[in-house]
């Protein structure tokens, strides 16, 4: 199969915000206990933080991590997770039907962020609690001293404020599974008052309004409209959440799921801009895609009720999952002008790129590698490639291009990175690459993830499904030609 991709500096989409490579840690399963935090583990530091896990997180290059939820946050009393460990209460955690011991909380998370070279994205409870508790948490985290909650933080042993800049106003509040779920009007007013008061405490923060829990909710669209009409002036982003599965074992449709993602993003942008026009304001609301991933392998796995940190929602990912994750990342970058934050959900053990054994080792799942490559090389501005390639039809979609692609142009370092997924299950693609206005640029590396059965997985003993290096594309005075294997994720880098 032959195809052509043309890149030009004039085809800029927008600047890539590093926060689009964020992730998520919720008090769910073994994400915290046995994941990032395990006192007594051979690789744990003096605070119980697993340094083997932090090493892998640093390899991913995650700039921001959302915490502490998720559904968990809608019933969370943040005061339970601060102060002396021996005084912290265990609570029945209703979102996931387990017991939360509260041995890891706000300050432990902030310490972990510093060790993991990332920044916190804190969520506040707008389910069972409200604006007063939200502004108190901002005061606890960000105010220097001389007030009730800042002095409480100092008394807990943390003199300097944590200076948290990014705050989520609850989680999936239109979902009936959510503790104290709300109508759009109820949530819009609560979120607006919370954001207003939080910014009165610290005017430097940014806030994220909960979008609808899913584009398939009956509330979708109208929820975003109504909540934005109420809270527009006090919020900066609207959240989106989306997971994809392959329950039907239909690889052709599964690999095309990001077409649905693309339409979802466009829909939310349209609603944001409708409210902007209606309000006659110059302020633009951008998007925070703060939950996205493949999720289905672990659905329905039994969990002992009221247990502590059970093995819960622990998907083991295969090769086709990695290709879908790559396509989703490509789609997020193709909306770099509006998608400024995104969080792969989650980071460790629970539907995650990193998997650990409690008391033992850790390994990188298949989805780790496309995320790592794009986080490492996507810099500067996103470029929209002009793609000329054959298409296919499947059960869920028509006119699916065999190639999914985006590029980045780092003008400061004079570097281009081209990211391409070949969806074809049978044919390699002979790709002709044209660089318009980049005549002095030459290929310097060609890495790919290919040659695996779609169901192959990584294990503690063998991380076999990963990226590898290839010979550089063939170049002459006019053409750059690269061979993309069937079912492959490819990264080709050019430098001046």
Protein backbone atom coordinates (compact mmCIF):
# COMPACT_ATOMS: atom_id res chain seq x y z
CA UNK A 1 0.00 0.00 0.00
CA UNK A 2 1.26 3.48 -0.85
CA UNK A 3 0.48 6.71 0.98
CA UNK A 4 1.76 10.27 1.25
CA UNK A 5 2.04 12.72 4.14
CA UNK A 6 2.85 16.40 3.60
CA UNK A 7 4.05 18.64 6.40
CA UNK A 8 4.30 22.43 6.25
CA UNK A 9 5.10 25.02 8.88
CA UNK A 10 2.02 26.99 7.87
CA UNK A 11 -0.26 24.13 8.99
CA UNK A 12 0.07 24.91 12.70
CA UNK A 13 -2.79 23.75 14.91
CA UNK A 14 -1.63 25.35 18.14
CA UNK A 15 1.02 25.18 20.80
CA UNK A 16 1.28 21.84 22.58
CA UNK A 17 0.65 22.34 26.28
CA UNK A 18 2.88 19.92 28.20
CA UNK A 19 -0.05 19.21 30.52
CA UNK A 20 -1.71 17.19 27.75
CA UNK A 21 0.62 14.37 28.87
CA UNK A 22 -0.81 14.32 32.38
CA UNK A 23 -2.14 11.34 34.32
CA UNK A 24 -4.38 10.45 37.25
CA UNK A 25 -4.10 8.84 40.69
CA UNK A 26 -7.34 8.02 42.49
CA UNK A 27 -7.89 6.28 45.81
CA UNK A 28 -9.07 3.20 43.95
CA UNK A 29 -7.74 -0.35 44.04
CA UNK A 30 -3.95 -0.44 44.29
CA UNK A 31 -3.29 2.91 42.61
CA UNK A 32 -2.13 4.42 45.92
CA UNK A 33 -1.62 1.57 48.39
CA UNK A 34 0.71 -0.93 46.75
CA UNK A 35 1.12 1.36 43.75
CA UNK A 36 2.82 4.67 44.45
CA UNK A 37 2.85 4.20 48.26
CA UNK A 38 4.04 1.08 50.04
CA UNK A 39 5.92 1.54 53.31
CA UNK A 40 8.28 -1.36 53.95
CA UNK A 41 8.79 -2.15 50.29
CA UNK A 42 12.49 -2.71 49.43
CA UNK A 43 12.32 0.16 46.91
CA UNK A 44 10.37 2.58 49.13
CA UNK A 45 11.94 5.75 50.51
CA UNK A 46 11.64 7.02 54.08
CA UNK A 47 8.08 8.27 53.32
CA UNK A 48 6.91 4.96 51.86
CA UNK A 49 7.02 6.18 48.24
CA UNK A 50 8.01 3.47 45.77
CA UNK A 51 11.07 4.76 43.95
CA UNK A 52 10.98 2.01 41.30
CA UNK A 53 7.56 3.32 40.29
CA UNK A 54 8.76 6.93 40.37
CA UNK A 55 11.61 5.97 38.02
CA UNK A 56 9.10 4.67 35.47
CA UNK A 57 6.90 7.75 35.91
CA UNK A 58 9.91 9.94 35.18
CA UNK A 59 10.46 7.91 32.00
CA UNK A 60 6.91 8.80 30.96
CA UNK A 61 7.51 12.51 31.56
CA UNK A 62 4.17 13.22 33.27
CA UNK A 63 3.88 16.99 33.97
CA UNK A 64 0.64 16.95 36.01
CA UNK A 65 -1.30 14.33 37.99
CA UNK A 66 -4.97 14.60 38.94
CA UNK A 67 -5.84 13.56 42.53
CA UNK A 68 -7.64 12.19 44.61
CA UNK A 69 -10.46 11.27 42.23
CA UNK A 70 -12.54 10.39 40.38
CA UNK A 71 -15.68 9.04 41.94
CA UNK A 72 -13.80 8.80 45.23
CA UNK A 73 -13.62 12.58 45.63
CA UNK A 74 -17.40 13.03 45.80
CA UNK A 75 -17.42 11.53 49.29
CA UNK A 76 -13.93 12.52 50.46
CA UNK A 77 -13.29 14.60 53.58
CA UNK A 78 -9.84 16.01 52.89
CA UNK A 79 -9.30 16.64 56.61
CA UNK A 80 -9.24 12.84 57.15
CA UNK A 81 -6.02 12.63 55.12
CA UNK A 82 -3.89 15.23 56.92
CA UNK A 83 -2.19 15.35 60.31
CA UNK A 84 -0.69 12.52 62.39
CA UNK A 85 -1.22 9.09 60.81
CA UNK A 86 -2.34 7.52 64.09
CA UNK A 87 -5.21 10.02 64.38
CA UNK A 88 -6.58 9.55 60.87
CA UNK A 89 -9.89 7.67 60.67
CA UNK A 90 -10.65 4.76 58.38
CA UNK A 91 -13.79 5.40 56.33
CA UNK A 92 -16.24 3.30 54.37
CA UNK A 93 -15.61 4.43 50.80
CA UNK A 94 -18.96 4.29 49.01
CA UNK A 95 -17.83 4.97 45.45
CA UNK A 96 -15.92 1.69 45.14
CA UNK A 97 -17.26 -0.29 48.11
CA UNK A 98 -13.97 -0.51 50.02
CA UNK A 99 -12.41 0.84 53.22
CA UNK A 100 -10.16 3.90 52.92
CA UNK A 101 -7.48 3.89 55.67
CA UNK A 102 -6.41 7.52 54.99
CA UNK A 103 -2.72 6.74 55.51
CA UNK A 104 -1.96 8.68 52.33
CA UNK A 105 -3.45 12.13 51.83
CA UNK A 106 -2.85 15.66 50.63
CA UNK A 107 0.64 16.24 52.05
CA UNK A 108 1.87 12.77 51.12
CA UNK A 109 0.63 13.38 47.58
CA UNK A 110 2.42 16.73 47.39
CA UNK A 111 5.66 15.12 48.58
CA UNK A 112 5.19 12.40 45.98
CA UNK A 113 4.65 15.01 43.24
CA UNK A 114 8.00 16.60 44.03
CA UNK A 115 9.75 13.20 43.95
CA UNK A 116 7.99 12.27 40.70
CA UNK A 117 8.86 15.61 39.07
CA UNK A 118 5.22 16.43 38.41
CA UNK A 119 2.61 18.99 39.50
CA UNK A 120 -0.64 18.38 41.38
CA UNK A 121 -4.08 18.77 39.80
CA UNK A 122 -6.32 18.70 42.87
CA UNK A 123 -10.01 17.83 42.82
CA UNK A 124 -12.45 19.16 45.42
CA UNK A 125 -15.53 17.39 46.75
CA UNK A 126 -18.65 19.05 45.37
CA UNK A 127 -20.78 15.98 46.06
CA UNK A 128 -21.26 15.44 49.81
CA UNK A 129 -19.52 18.75 50.55
CA UNK A 130 -19.34 22.13 48.86
CA UNK A 131 -17.74 25.55 48.30
CA UNK A 132 -16.75 26.12 51.93
CA UNK A 133 -14.67 22.95 52.16
CA UNK A 134 -13.22 23.67 48.73
CA UNK A 135 -11.94 27.13 49.60
CA UNK A 136 -10.61 25.73 52.91
CA UNK A 137 -8.51 23.18 51.00
CA UNK A 138 -7.10 25.92 48.76
CA UNK A 139 -6.20 27.88 51.89
CA UNK A 140 -4.57 24.78 53.42
CA UNK A 141 -2.50 24.12 50.29
CA UNK A 142 -1.68 27.61 49.02
CA UNK A 143 -1.87 30.27 51.73
CA UNK A 144 1.46 31.13 53.34
CA UNK A 145 0.50 31.49 57.01
CA UNK A 146 -1.58 33.39 59.52
CA UNK A 147 -4.96 31.74 58.92
CA UNK A 148 -6.74 28.70 60.29
CA UNK A 149 -5.98 26.27 57.50
CA UNK A 150 -2.54 27.53 56.52
CA UNK A 151 -1.49 27.32 60.15
CA UNK A 152 -2.99 23.83 60.29
CA UNK A 153 -0.68 22.81 57.41
CA UNK A 154 2.30 24.33 59.24
CA UNK A 155 1.34 22.46 62.40
CA UNK A 156 1.31 19.27 60.33
CA UNK A 157 4.97 19.87 59.51
CA UNK A 158 4.81 21.67 56.15
CA UNK A 159 5.88 25.30 56.49
CA UNK A 160 5.90 26.25 52.84
CA UNK A 161 2.66 26.32 50.85
CA UNK A 162 2.25 23.75 48.07
CA UNK A 163 1.11 26.37 45.54
CA UNK A 164 -1.34 24.15 43.67
CA UNK A 165 -2.36 25.91 40.46
CA UNK A 166 -4.95 23.57 38.91
CA UNK A 167 -8.23 22.58 40.57
CA UNK A 168 -11.07 20.29 39.42
CA UNK A 169 -14.54 21.31 40.58
CA UNK A 170 -15.82 17.85 41.51
CA UNK A 171 -16.14 14.82 39.25
CA UNK A 172 -18.81 13.52 36.83
CA UNK A 173 -21.57 15.25 38.76
CA UNK A 174 -24.34 14.30 36.31
CA UNK A 175 -23.68 10.57 36.86
CA UNK A 176 -26.32 8.76 38.96
CA UNK A 177 -23.46 6.61 40.33
CA UNK A 178 -21.94 9.75 41.87
CA UNK A 179 -22.45 10.57 45.54
CA UNK A 180 -24.81 13.56 45.64
CA UNK A 181 -25.24 13.73 41.86
CA UNK A 182 -26.70 17.03 40.71
CA UNK A 183 -28.77 18.58 37.99
CA UNK A 184 -26.99 20.99 35.67
CA UNK A 185 -28.48 23.97 37.49
CA UNK A 186 -27.53 22.62 40.92
CA UNK A 187 -23.99 21.80 39.87
CA UNK A 188 -23.51 24.98 37.87
CA UNK A 189 -24.36 27.16 40.85
CA UNK A 190 -22.26 25.06 43.29
CA UNK A 191 -19.26 25.03 40.94
CA UNK A 192 -19.54 28.74 40.27
CA UNK A 193 -19.62 29.64 43.96
CA UNK A 194 -16.78 27.23 44.75
CA UNK A 195 -14.58 28.58 41.95
CA UNK A 196 -15.34 32.16 42.96
CA UNK A 197 -14.41 31.57 46.59
CA UNK A 198 -11.36 29.47 45.73
CA UNK A 199 -10.05 32.27 43.51
CA UNK A 200 -10.74 34.80 46.23
CA UNK A 201 -8.34 32.77 48.39
CA UNK A 202 -5.77 32.50 45.57
CA UNK A 203 -6.32 34.49 42.38
CA UNK A 204 -3.53 32.62 40.57
CA UNK A 205 -5.35 29.27 40.33
CA UNK A 206 -7.20 27.78 37.35
CA UNK A 207 -10.41 25.77 37.68
CA UNK A 208 -11.92 22.92 35.67
CA UNK A 209 -15.71 22.64 35.33
CA UNK A 210 -17.14 19.11 35.17
CA UNK A 211 -18.47 18.31 31.75
CA UNK A 212 -20.98 15.53 31.31
CA UNK A 213 -19.68 12.13 32.41
CA UNK A 214 -19.92 10.81 28.84
CA UNK A 215 -21.10 11.94 25.44
CA UNK A 216 -23.60 9.06 25.65
CA UNK A 217 -25.35 10.52 28.71
CA UNK A 218 -28.81 11.97 28.13
CA UNK A 219 -27.49 15.12 29.77
CA UNK A 220 -24.59 15.58 27.32
CA UNK A 221 -24.49 18.92 25.51
CA UNK A 222 -27.26 20.54 27.51
CA UNK A 223 -25.23 19.91 30.68
CA UNK A 224 -22.19 21.75 29.29
CA UNK A 225 -24.38 24.59 28.05
CA UNK A 226 -26.30 25.15 31.28
CA UNK A 227 -23.33 24.82 33.64
CA UNK A 228 -21.18 27.13 31.50
CA UNK A 229 -23.93 29.73 31.32
CA UNK A 230 -23.84 29.86 35.12
CA UNK A 231 -20.09 29.46 35.84
CA UNK A 232 -18.38 30.79 32.69
CA UNK A 233 -16.72 33.79 34.33
CA UNK A 234 -15.11 31.78 37.13
CA UNK A 235 -13.87 28.67 35.29
CA UNK A 236 -11.07 28.12 32.78
CA UNK A 237 -11.63 24.62 31.37
CA UNK A 238 -14.38 22.07 30.81
CA UNK A 239 -13.58 18.41 31.47
CA UNK A 240 -14.17 15.47 29.12
CA UNK A 241 -13.97 11.75 29.96
CA UNK A 242 -13.85 8.85 27.50
CA UNK A 243 -12.85 5.17 27.56
CA UNK A 244 -12.95 2.65 24.72
CA UNK A 245 -13.25 -1.14 24.67
CA UNK A 246 -13.11 -4.10 22.31
CA UNK A 247 -15.64 -6.42 23.90
CA UNK A 248 -16.74 -7.60 20.45
CA UNK A 249 -13.18 -8.50 19.48
CA UNK A 250 -13.51 -6.36 16.35
CA UNK A 251 -10.00 -5.00 15.85
CA UNK A 252 -10.86 -2.99 12.73
CA UNK A 253 -13.54 -1.00 14.59
CA UNK A 254 -11.50 -0.80 17.79
CA UNK A 255 -8.57 0.82 15.97
CA UNK A 256 -10.94 3.44 14.56
CA UNK A 257 -12.47 4.47 17.92
CA UNK A 258 -10.54 7.75 17.92
CA UNK A 259 -12.82 8.98 15.11
CA UNK A 260 -15.54 9.02 17.77
CA UNK A 261 -13.13 10.83 20.09
CA UNK A 262 -12.48 13.46 17.44
CA UNK A 263 -16.21 14.11 17.03
CA UNK A 264 -16.66 14.28 20.80
CA UNK A 265 -14.01 16.99 21.14
CA UNK A 266 -15.53 19.03 18.29
CA UNK A 267 -18.95 18.80 19.95
CA UNK A 268 -17.73 20.19 23.28
CA UNK A 269 -15.79 22.97 21.56
CA UNK A 270 -19.00 23.96 19.76
CA UNK A 271 -20.94 24.19 23.02
CA UNK A 272 -18.16 26.24 24.67
CA UNK A 273 -18.10 28.66 21.77
CA UNK A 274 -21.90 28.88 21.67
CA UNK A 275 -21.92 30.06 25.30
CA UNK A 276 -19.02 32.42 24.55
CA UNK A 277 -21.02 33.99 21.72
CA UNK A 278 -24.18 34.14 23.80
CA UNK A 279 -22.31 35.94 26.59
CA UNK A 280 -20.59 38.27 24.11
CA UNK A 281 -17.28 37.71 25.85
CA UNK A 282 -13.72 37.47 24.60
CA UNK A 283 -12.82 34.82 27.17
CA UNK A 284 -12.25 31.38 25.66
CA UNK A 285 -12.93 28.17 27.56
CA UNK A 286 -10.46 25.39 26.75
CA UNK A 287 -10.72 21.66 27.37
CA UNK A 288 -9.30 19.38 30.04
CA UNK A 289 -9.58 15.78 28.84
CA UNK A 290 -8.80 14.56 32.33
CA UNK A 291 -9.83 10.91 31.92
CA UNK A 292 -9.03 8.87 28.82
CA UNK A 293 -7.84 5.34 28.11
CA UNK A 294 -8.73 1.85 26.97
CA UNK A 295 -10.72 0.12 29.72
CA UNK A 296 -12.58 -3.16 29.61
CA UNK A 297 -10.42 -6.18 30.44
CA UNK A 298 -11.10 -5.97 34.19
CA UNK A 299 -14.79 -5.02 34.09
CA UNK A 300 -16.84 -7.29 36.32
CA UNK A 301 -13.94 -8.67 38.35
CA UNK A 302 -15.21 -9.43 41.89
CA UNK A 303 -14.00 -7.32 44.82
CA UNK A 304 -14.44 -8.16 48.51
CA UNK A 305 -16.66 -5.45 49.95
CA UNK A 306 -15.00 -3.13 52.50
CA UNK A 307 -11.54 -4.57 51.87
CA UNK A 308 -8.51 -2.26 51.77
CA UNK A 309 -6.76 -1.64 48.45
CA UNK A 310 -8.03 -4.74 46.62
CA UNK A 311 -6.91 -5.80 43.15
CA UNK A 312 -9.50 -3.65 41.40
CA UNK A 313 -9.82 -2.62 37.73
CA UNK A 314 -6.39 -3.99 36.88
CA UNK A 315 -6.42 -4.20 33.08
CA UNK A 316 -3.50 -6.04 31.51
CA UNK A 317 -3.03 -4.31 28.16
CA UNK A 318 -2.16 -5.90 24.84
CA UNK A 319 -0.67 -4.63 21.60
CA UNK A 320 -3.90 -3.45 19.99
CA UNK A 321 -4.68 -1.45 23.16
CA UNK A 322 -1.35 0.35 22.68
CA UNK A 323 -2.26 1.22 19.09
CA UNK A 324 -5.63 2.61 20.20
CA UNK A 325 -3.93 4.65 22.95
CA UNK A 326 -1.54 6.04 20.32
CA UNK A 327 -4.49 7.00 18.10
CA UNK A 328 -6.18 8.72 21.03
CA UNK A 329 -3.02 10.71 21.83
CA UNK A 330 -2.70 11.71 18.18
CA UNK A 331 -6.30 12.96 18.27
CA UNK A 332 -5.68 15.00 21.43
CA UNK A 333 -2.67 16.67 19.78
CA UNK A 334 -4.72 17.40 16.66
CA UNK A 335 -6.80 19.61 18.97
CA UNK A 336 -3.81 21.26 20.62
CA UNK A 337 -5.40 24.67 20.11
CA UNK A 338 -8.18 23.79 22.60
CA UNK A 339 -7.17 20.64 24.50
CA UNK A 340 -4.67 22.05 26.98
CA UNK A 341 -4.82 19.36 29.70
CA UNK A 342 -5.30 15.60 29.44
CA UNK A 343 -4.90 12.81 31.97
CA UNK A 344 -4.28 9.19 31.07
CA UNK A 345 -6.44 7.36 33.58
CA UNK A 346 -4.84 6.04 35.58
CA UNK A 347 -1.10 5.93 36.29
CA UNK A 348 -0.35 2.80 38.36
CA UNK A 349 -2.16 -0.60 38.55
CA UNK A 350 -5.71 0.69 37.95
CA UNK A 351 -6.17 0.78 34.13
CA UNK A 352 -2.59 2.01 33.99
CA UNK A 353 0.67 2.01 32.00
CA UNK A 354 2.64 0.87 35.07
CA UNK A 355 1.82 -2.35 36.91
CA UNK A 356 3.28 -3.44 40.26
CA UNK A 357 3.33 -6.44 42.51
CA UNK A 358 2.69 -5.57 46.14
CA UNK A 359 5.98 -6.29 47.85
CA UNK A 360 7.58 -7.08 44.50
CA UNK A 361 8.55 -5.62 41.14
CA UNK A 362 6.94 -3.48 38.48
CA UNK A 363 6.67 -3.52 34.68
CA UNK A 364 5.74 -1.23 31.81
CA UNK A 365 2.50 -2.15 30.07
CA UNK A 366 2.10 -1.94 26.30
CA UNK A 367 0.34 1.44 26.48
CA UNK A 368 3.39 2.85 28.29
CA UNK A 369 5.46 3.07 25.13
CA UNK A 370 3.42 5.24 22.73
CA UNK A 371 2.69 7.62 25.62
CA UNK A 372 6.39 7.80 26.49
CA UNK A 373 7.42 8.45 22.88
CA UNK A 374 4.90 11.23 22.30
CA UNK A 375 5.54 12.83 25.69
CA UNK A 376 9.25 12.83 24.92
CA UNK A 377 9.20 14.16 21.36
CA UNK A 378 6.03 16.25 20.90
CA UNK A 379 7.29 19.79 21.46
CA UNK A 380 6.42 23.24 20.19
CA UNK A 381 3.43 23.49 17.83
CA UNK A 382 1.23 20.69 16.62
CA UNK A 383 1.15 20.44 12.82
CA UNK A 384 -1.77 19.05 10.84
CA UNK A 385 -0.45 16.63 8.21
CA UNK A 386 -2.04 16.44 4.80
CA UNK A 387 -2.65 12.69 4.48
CA UNK A 388 -3.30 10.90 1.21
CA UNK A 389 -3.96 7.24 1.93
CA UNK A 390 -6.52 4.51 1.24
CA UNK A 391 -9.50 4.04 3.56
CA UNK A 392 -11.59 1.14 4.83
CA UNK A 393 -15.06 0.48 6.22
CA UNK A 394 -15.85 -1.50 9.37
CA UNK A 395 -18.87 -2.27 11.54
CA UNK A 396 -18.78 1.04 13.43
CA UNK A 397 -17.26 3.48 10.93
CA UNK A 398 -16.94 4.22 7.24
CA UNK A 399 -14.07 5.90 5.37
CA UNK A 400 -11.50 5.15 8.04
CA UNK A 401 -8.04 6.27 6.84
CA UNK A 402 -5.46 3.52 7.25
CA UNK A 403 -3.04 6.13 8.57
CA UNK A 404 -3.65 8.20 11.70
CA UNK A 405 -1.11 10.98 12.13
CA UNK A 406 -0.05 14.26 13.71
CA UNK A 407 3.28 16.06 13.85
CA UNK A 408 5.03 18.57 16.08
CA UNK A 409 7.41 21.37 15.13
CA UNK A 410 9.86 22.58 17.75
CA UNK A 411 11.02 25.81 16.15
CA UNK A 412 13.46 26.68 18.93
CA UNK A 413 15.35 23.38 18.62
CA UNK A 414 14.70 23.05 14.87
CA UNK A 415 13.14 19.63 15.16
CA UNK A 416 10.08 17.90 13.66
CA UNK A 417 8.47 14.74 15.05
CA UNK A 418 6.00 12.79 12.93
CA UNK A 419 3.69 10.31 14.70
CA UNK A 420 1.86 7.75 12.53
CA UNK A 421 -0.29 4.68 13.22
CA UNK A 422 -0.82 2.19 10.40
CA UNK A 423 -4.20 0.57 11.09
CA UNK A 424 -3.92 -2.00 8.32
CA UNK A 425 -3.87 -5.51 9.75
CA UNK A 426 -2.33 -6.99 6.61
CA UNK A 427 -0.36 -4.45 4.56
CA UNK A 428 2.78 -2.46 5.12
CA UNK A 429 2.61 1.14 3.92
CA UNK A 430 5.23 2.71 1.71
CA UNK A 431 5.00 6.27 3.00
CA UNK A 432 6.22 9.21 0.95
CA UNK A 433 6.96 12.13 3.28
CA UNK A 434 7.08 15.66 1.90
CA UNK A 435 8.46 18.51 4.04
CA UNK A 436 7.35 21.83 2.56
CA UNK A 437 9.50 24.69 3.77
CA UNK A 438 11.72 22.28 5.69
CA UNK A 439 14.13 21.47 2.88
CA UNK A 440 17.18 21.52 5.16
CA UNK A 441 15.68 18.97 7.56
CA UNK A 442 16.98 15.39 7.58
CA UNK A 443 15.69 12.27 9.33
CA UNK A 444 17.63 11.52 12.49
CA UNK A 445 15.64 8.64 14.00
CA UNK A 446 12.88 6.18 13.12
CA UNK A 447 11.30 4.21 15.96
CA UNK A 448 8.30 1.92 15.78
CA UNK A 449 6.14 -0.50 17.71
CA UNK A 450 5.22 -3.36 15.37
CA UNK A 451 5.50 -7.05 14.60
CA UNK A 452 3.33 -8.27 17.49
CA UNK A 453 0.12 -10.25 17.65
CA UNK A 454 -2.73 -7.92 18.68
CA UNK A 455 -3.25 -9.90 21.89
CA UNK A 456 0.39 -9.95 23.06
CA UNK A 457 1.00 -8.49 26.52
CA UNK A 458 3.91 -7.53 28.71
CA UNK A 459 4.68 -9.26 32.02
CA UNK A 460 6.93 -8.85 35.04
CA UNK A 461 9.42 -11.16 33.35
CA UNK A 462 9.20 -9.92 29.78
CA UNK A 463 8.42 -6.43 28.45
CA UNK A 464 8.50 -7.68 24.88
CA UNK A 465 5.87 -5.34 23.38
CA UNK A 466 7.73 -2.05 23.08
CA UNK A 467 9.38 0.44 20.73
CA UNK A 468 12.44 -0.42 18.67
CA UNK A 469 14.77 1.46 16.30
CA UNK A 470 14.71 1.11 12.51
CA UNK A 471 17.03 2.17 9.69
CA UNK A 472 16.44 5.77 8.68
CA UNK A 473 13.94 6.44 5.87
CA UNK A 474 15.39 6.45 2.36
CA UNK A 475 16.07 10.00 1.21
CA UNK A 476 17.07 11.62 -2.08
CA UNK A 477 16.84 15.22 -3.27
CA UNK A 478 13.06 15.09 -3.64
CA UNK A 479 11.63 12.26 -1.54
CA UNK A 480 11.68 10.73 1.92
CA UNK A 481 10.28 7.21 1.94
CA UNK A 482 9.59 5.16 5.08
CA UNK A 483 8.16 1.66 5.31
CA UNK A 484 5.47 1.41 8.00
CA UNK A 485 4.71 -2.15 9.04
CA UNK A 486 1.15 -3.43 9.21
CA UNK A 487 -0.36 -2.65 12.63
CA UNK A 488 2.30 -0.23 13.78
CA UNK A 489 2.94 2.95 15.72
CA UNK A 490 5.79 4.99 14.23
CA UNK A 491 7.84 8.02 15.27
CA UNK A 492 10.08 9.66 12.68
CA UNK A 493 12.17 12.64 13.78
CA UNK A 494 13.82 15.28 11.58
CA UNK A 495 16.36 17.93 12.47
CA UNK A 496 17.75 20.88 10.54
